[in-house]
Protein backbone atom coordinates (compact mmCIF):
# COMPACT_ATOMS: atom_id res chain seq x y z
CA MET A 1 294.50 -12.15 -30.76
CA SER A 2 294.42 -12.08 -26.93
CA LEU A 3 297.37 -13.67 -25.20
CA GLU A 4 296.29 -14.90 -21.80
CA PHE A 5 299.02 -15.34 -19.21
CA GLN A 6 299.57 -19.10 -18.56
CA PHE A 7 300.74 -19.85 -15.06
CA GLU A 8 301.90 -23.28 -13.89
CA THR A 9 303.21 -23.70 -10.41
CA PHE A 10 306.37 -25.69 -9.74
CA VAL A 11 304.22 -28.44 -8.29
CA ASP A 12 302.11 -28.62 -11.42
CA VAL A 13 305.09 -28.92 -13.71
CA TYR A 14 307.38 -31.08 -11.48
CA HIS A 15 304.99 -33.10 -9.38
CA SER A 16 306.78 -36.37 -10.07
CA ILE A 17 309.97 -34.97 -8.57
CA PHE A 18 308.57 -32.70 -5.91
CA SER A 19 309.69 -34.90 -2.96
CA GLU A 20 313.19 -34.82 -4.46
CA TYR A 21 312.99 -31.00 -4.64
CA LEU A 22 311.84 -30.71 -0.96
CA SER A 23 314.69 -33.08 0.06
CA SER A 24 317.22 -30.84 -1.77
CA VAL A 25 315.86 -27.82 0.13
CA ILE A 26 316.16 -29.65 3.45
CA ALA A 27 319.64 -31.05 2.63
CA LYS A 28 321.03 -27.44 2.64
CA LEU A 29 320.01 -26.84 6.19
CA PRO A 30 323.07 -28.44 7.88
CA LYS A 31 325.38 -26.18 5.80
CA GLU A 32 323.26 -22.98 6.25
CA ASN A 33 321.75 -23.20 9.68
CA GLU A 34 323.98 -23.51 12.76
CA LYS A 35 321.00 -24.24 15.09
CA TYR A 36 319.90 -27.11 12.81
CA ARG A 37 323.35 -28.56 12.65
CA ALA A 38 323.75 -28.34 16.52
CA THR A 39 320.37 -29.93 17.02
CA LYS A 40 321.24 -32.77 14.69
CA GLU A 41 324.56 -33.33 16.56
CA GLU A 42 322.77 -33.31 19.94
CA LEU A 43 320.25 -35.83 18.69
CA SER A 44 323.08 -38.04 17.27
CA SER A 45 324.86 -37.99 20.64
CA LEU A 46 321.66 -38.94 22.42
CA TYR A 47 321.30 -41.89 20.06
CA ASP A 48 324.92 -42.83 20.81
CA LYS A 49 324.39 -42.50 24.59
CA TYR A 50 321.01 -44.43 24.55
CA PRO A 51 321.04 -46.95 21.62
CA LYS A 52 317.77 -48.45 22.78
CA ILE A 53 315.96 -45.22 21.82
CA LEU A 54 316.21 -46.06 18.19
CA ASP A 55 314.74 -49.41 18.83
CA ILE A 56 311.54 -47.78 20.07
CA PHE A 57 310.93 -46.76 16.45
CA ASP A 58 311.45 -50.34 15.18
CA MET A 59 307.99 -52.05 15.08
CA ASP A 60 309.62 -55.55 15.30
CA LYS A 61 311.35 -54.94 18.64
CA ALA A 62 309.85 -54.47 22.04
CA GLU A 63 312.27 -52.70 24.24
CA GLY A 64 312.11 -51.79 27.94
CA LEU A 65 313.70 -48.51 28.78
CA SER A 66 315.20 -47.48 32.10
CA ALA A 67 314.10 -44.10 33.62
CA GLU A 68 317.22 -42.51 32.26
CA GLU A 69 316.56 -43.93 28.73
CA CYS A 70 313.02 -42.67 28.98
CA ALA A 71 314.29 -39.19 29.69
CA GLY A 72 316.66 -39.54 26.70
CA LEU A 73 313.76 -40.66 24.57
CA VAL A 74 311.67 -37.58 25.52
CA LYS A 75 314.57 -35.35 24.76
CA ALA A 76 315.19 -37.10 21.37
CA LEU A 77 311.53 -36.63 20.43
CA GLN A 78 311.76 -32.87 21.27
CA LEU A 79 314.86 -32.54 19.16
CA ARG A 80 313.23 -34.40 16.25
CA ASN A 81 310.27 -31.99 16.53
CA GLU A 82 312.64 -29.01 16.45
CA LEU A 83 314.38 -30.36 13.40
CA THR A 84 310.96 -30.88 11.70
CA ASP A 85 309.94 -27.34 12.50
CA MET A 86 313.18 -25.91 11.03
CA GLU A 87 312.77 -28.02 7.96
CA LEU A 88 309.13 -26.91 7.41
CA GLN A 89 310.20 -23.27 7.93
CA SER A 90 312.94 -23.72 5.31
CA VAL A 91 310.52 -25.11 2.88
CA TYR A 92 308.03 -22.32 3.57
CA PHE A 93 310.56 -19.54 2.99
CA ARG A 94 311.76 -21.34 -0.18
CA GLY A 95 308.13 -21.23 -1.36
CA CYS A 96 308.00 -17.53 -0.55
CA TYR A 97 311.14 -16.94 -2.53
CA ASP A 98 309.76 -18.88 -5.48
CA GLY A 99 306.47 -16.97 -5.26
CA VAL A 100 308.27 -13.61 -5.58
CA GLY A 101 310.18 -15.18 -8.58
CA TYR A 102 306.89 -16.16 -10.25
CA LEU A 103 305.49 -12.65 -9.71
CA LYS A 104 308.60 -11.09 -11.25
CA LYS A 105 308.47 -13.49 -14.21
CA ALA A 106 304.80 -12.64 -14.71
CA GLY A 107 305.70 -8.91 -14.70
CA ILE A 108 303.64 -8.20 -11.64
CA LEU A 109 306.62 -7.10 -9.48
């Protein structure tokens, strides 16, 4: 009797809660990553300084921004991109970590 190794990925098994899993990985970033925390704080202070910036993302409001607010918006978008990059990197490395775990479990490593 031949026993074939059955391999199911995390996504295969837990596809219904995968978004929740990703959120849990990203939720650890503020505690574990100083640059992420500082970027979030800088973004928050920009939103406090220029409250109209948040209204730009509201489809029901049309807001006119001053030149200073436009500069704040550009900076806010840059910071949001930096946060997204850090989040994606965190998820990528978590996947690498899980991949090594799967290989160990399969007896390959």
